[in-house]
Amino acid sequence: MNDKSGGKTPSESLLFLTDDQLRKGIEAMFFAYRGFTADPDRILSERGYGRAHHRALHFINRAPGCTVNTLLSILGVTKQSLNRVLRALIDDGLVKQTVGSKDKRERNLHLTETGQALEKDLSEAQRGRMRAAFRSAGPEAVSGFRKVLEQMMDEKSFEQFSRLTDQT
């Protein structure tokens, strides 16, 4: 088995990480993110899309009918940036907008069948990579990894993450 831990023992105190250990963790995150996004990036580039399109598709899929304002809040991007991404997804038939039932000014977002198929391809690629990593790292790594990620989130991001994960 390929040991990516750097040979550190479980008894090593996490409360006293050195700057070098933290640097290695930061670098590991950079390289892991590159691996995590590699397959979706390839799929997206074949269609002329980027990571912003992927994030929009992901969160519209997670919360069908969400408003543009809700998506703005989740993604933490400017309205101008989101409008450019949504316009492309709508024009290409991946996302549809409907008028809000309570507030006619609201625009609710839904994936079309084509949008659902693309989102599924993107997510399956990432789930496969995560599944393989967790299998290799062991069951305790799943909860530990999630705890680390949650601790790195700011309060607003953690609240949004909690709301999304509470839906499932």
Protein backbone atom coordinates (compact mmCIF):
# COMPACT_ATOMS: atom_id res chain seq x y z
CA MET A 1 0.00 0.00 0.00
CA ASN A 2 1.21 3.50 -0.84
CA ASP A 3 1.70 5.42 2.43
CA LYS A 4 1.12 9.12 1.71
CA SER A 5 1.27 10.15 5.38
CA GLY A 6 4.99 10.82 5.30
CA GLY A 7 5.64 8.11 7.90
CA LYS A 8 4.21 10.04 10.85
CA THR A 9 2.81 8.00 13.71
CA PRO A 10 -0.75 8.43 15.06
CA SER A 11 0.72 9.41 18.43
CA GLU A 12 2.20 12.57 16.92
CA SER A 13 0.46 15.46 18.65
CA LEU A 14 -1.68 17.51 16.29
CA LEU A 15 -1.67 20.38 18.79
CA PHE A 16 2.01 21.04 18.17
CA LEU A 17 2.38 20.96 14.41
CA THR A 18 5.52 22.61 13.15
CA ASP A 19 5.54 25.20 10.39
CA ASP A 20 7.10 22.58 8.14
CA GLN A 21 4.29 20.10 8.85
CA LEU A 22 1.69 22.82 8.16
CA ARG A 23 3.46 23.78 4.91
CA LYS A 24 3.38 20.14 3.81
CA GLY A 25 -0.35 20.05 4.59
CA ILE A 26 -0.95 23.20 2.57
CA GLU A 27 1.02 21.82 -0.35
CA ALA A 28 -0.86 18.52 -0.12
CA MET A 29 -4.13 20.47 -0.39
CA PHE A 30 -2.92 22.27 -3.53
CA PHE A 31 -1.94 19.00 -5.22
CA ALA A 32 -5.07 17.17 -4.01
CA TYR A 33 -7.26 19.96 -5.39
CA ARG A 34 -5.49 19.67 -8.73
CA GLY A 35 -6.26 15.94 -8.76
CA PHE A 36 -9.83 16.47 -7.54
CA THR A 37 -10.57 18.93 -10.36
CA ALA A 38 -8.61 17.23 -13.17
CA ASP A 39 -11.36 14.97 -14.53
CA PRO A 40 -14.13 17.60 -14.30
CA ASP A 41 -11.82 20.20 -15.88
CA ARG A 42 -11.27 17.90 -18.85
CA ILE A 43 -15.01 17.26 -19.26
CA LEU A 44 -15.79 20.97 -18.92
CA SER A 45 -13.09 22.13 -21.33
CA GLU A 46 -14.52 19.87 -24.04
CA ARG A 47 -17.66 22.01 -23.80
CA GLY A 48 -15.97 25.36 -23.37
CA TYR A 49 -16.81 25.65 -19.67
CA GLY A 50 -14.76 26.21 -16.55
CA ARG A 51 -14.91 25.57 -12.82
CA ALA A 52 -17.41 28.37 -12.22
CA HIS A 53 -19.87 26.55 -14.47
CA HIS A 54 -19.23 23.34 -12.55
CA ARG A 55 -19.91 25.00 -9.19
CA ALA A 56 -23.15 26.53 -10.50
CA LEU A 57 -24.33 23.18 -11.89
CA HIS A 58 -23.42 21.41 -8.65
CA PHE A 59 -25.32 23.75 -6.36
CA ILE A 60 -28.34 24.13 -8.63
CA ASN A 61 -28.51 20.34 -8.65
CA ARG A 62 -28.23 20.24 -4.84
CA ALA A 63 -30.99 22.82 -4.40
CA PRO A 64 -33.37 22.68 -7.38
CA GLY A 65 -35.45 25.84 -7.58
CA CYS A 66 -32.90 27.93 -5.69
CA THR A 67 -32.96 31.61 -6.48
CA VAL A 68 -30.20 33.53 -8.18
CA ASN A 69 -29.61 35.39 -4.90
CA THR A 70 -29.26 32.12 -2.97
CA LEU A 71 -26.76 30.86 -5.53
CA LEU A 72 -24.86 34.15 -5.31
CA SER A 73 -24.61 33.70 -1.56
CA ILE A 74 -23.49 30.08 -1.76
CA LEU A 75 -20.85 30.70 -4.42
CA GLY A 76 -19.60 33.98 -2.97
CA VAL A 77 -19.14 35.55 -6.38
CA THR A 78 -20.24 38.84 -7.88
CA LYS A 79 -23.57 39.18 -9.60
CA GLN A 80 -21.79 40.07 -12.84
CA SER A 81 -19.66 36.92 -12.68
CA LEU A 82 -22.63 34.67 -11.92
CA ASN A 83 -24.74 36.28 -14.65
CA ARG A 84 -22.05 35.49 -17.24
CA VAL A 85 -21.92 31.84 -16.10
CA LEU A 86 -25.71 31.45 -15.88
CA ARG A 87 -26.24 33.09 -19.27
CA ALA A 88 -23.97 30.49 -20.90
CA LEU A 89 -25.66 27.60 -19.07
CA ILE A 90 -29.13 28.87 -19.95
CA ASP A 91 -28.25 29.63 -23.59
CA ASP A 92 -26.77 26.14 -23.97
CA GLY A 93 -29.88 24.49 -22.51
CA LEU A 94 -28.34 23.21 -19.28
CA VAL A 95 -30.22 25.47 -16.86
CA LYS A 96 -33.72 26.90 -17.02
CA GLN A 97 -35.13 29.83 -15.09
CA THR A 98 -38.67 30.06 -13.83
CA VAL A 99 -40.47 32.98 -12.24
CA GLY A 100 -40.86 32.69 -8.47
CA SER A 101 -44.28 31.57 -7.28
CA LYS A 102 -44.33 33.94 -4.28
CA ASP A 103 -42.24 36.77 -5.66
CA LYS A 104 -42.44 37.36 -9.40
CA ARG A 105 -39.09 39.20 -9.28
CA GLU A 106 -37.30 36.04 -8.20
CA ARG A 107 -35.78 33.66 -10.72
CA ASN A 108 -35.70 30.02 -9.69
CA LEU A 109 -33.02 27.84 -11.23
CA HIS A 110 -33.35 24.23 -12.34
CA LEU A 111 -31.13 21.90 -14.33
CA THR A 112 -32.54 20.59 -17.58
CA GLU A 113 -32.10 16.92 -18.45
CA THR A 114 -28.94 17.84 -20.35
CA GLY A 115 -27.70 19.83 -17.35
CA GLN A 116 -28.45 16.92 -15.04
CA ALA A 117 -26.49 14.55 -17.28
CA LEU A 118 -23.44 16.85 -17.34
CA GLU A 119 -23.61 17.42 -13.58
CA LYS A 120 -23.82 13.66 -13.06
CA ASP A 121 -20.71 13.06 -15.19
CA LEU A 122 -18.78 15.72 -13.27
CA SER A 123 -19.89 14.45 -9.86
CA GLU A 124 -19.26 10.79 -10.67
CA ALA A 125 -15.66 11.62 -11.58
CA GLN A 126 -15.13 13.36 -8.25
CA ARG A 127 -16.99 10.77 -6.20
CA GLY A 128 -14.84 8.04 -7.73
CA ARG A 129 -11.64 9.82 -6.76
CA MET A 130 -12.90 10.54 -3.22
CA ARG A 131 -14.20 7.00 -2.76
CA ALA A 132 -10.82 5.53 -3.76
CA ALA A 133 -8.96 7.95 -1.46
CA PHE A 134 -11.17 7.18 1.54
CA ARG A 135 -10.95 3.43 0.94
CA SER A 136 -7.18 3.71 0.91
CA ALA A 137 -7.00 6.01 3.95
CA GLY A 138 -9.45 4.02 6.10
CA PRO A 139 -12.79 4.73 7.78
CA GLU A 140 -11.46 7.06 10.48
CA ALA A 141 -10.07 9.32 7.75
CA VAL A 142 -13.57 10.14 6.48
CA SER A 143 -14.73 11.83 9.68
CA GLY A 144 -11.31 13.31 10.40
CA PHE A 145 -11.05 14.86 6.93
CA ARG A 146 -14.52 16.35 7.21
CA LYS A 147 -13.70 17.79 10.65
CA VAL A 148 -10.56 19.43 9.30
CA LEU A 149 -12.43 20.95 6.37
CA GLU A 150 -15.25 22.21 8.62
CA GLN A 151 -12.75 23.84 10.97
CA MET A 152 -11.21 25.71 8.03
CA MET A 153 -14.57 27.23 6.99
CA ASP A 154 -15.57 30.69 8.12
CA GLU A 155 -18.85 30.95 10.03
CA LYS A 156 -21.00 31.92 7.03
CA SER A 157 -19.58 29.11 4.88
CA PHE A 158 -20.09 26.59 7.67
CA GLU A 159 -23.73 27.67 8.06
CA GLN A 160 -24.32 27.28 4.32
CA PHE A 161 -22.57 23.91 4.30
CA SER A 162 -24.64 22.75 7.28
CA ARG A 163 -27.90 23.76 5.60
CA LEU A 164 -26.97 21.87 2.45
CA THR A 165 -25.85 18.75 4.28
CA ASP A 166 -28.93 18.81 6.53
CA GLN A 167 -31.08 18.52 3.38
CA THR A 168 -29.82 15.02 2.71
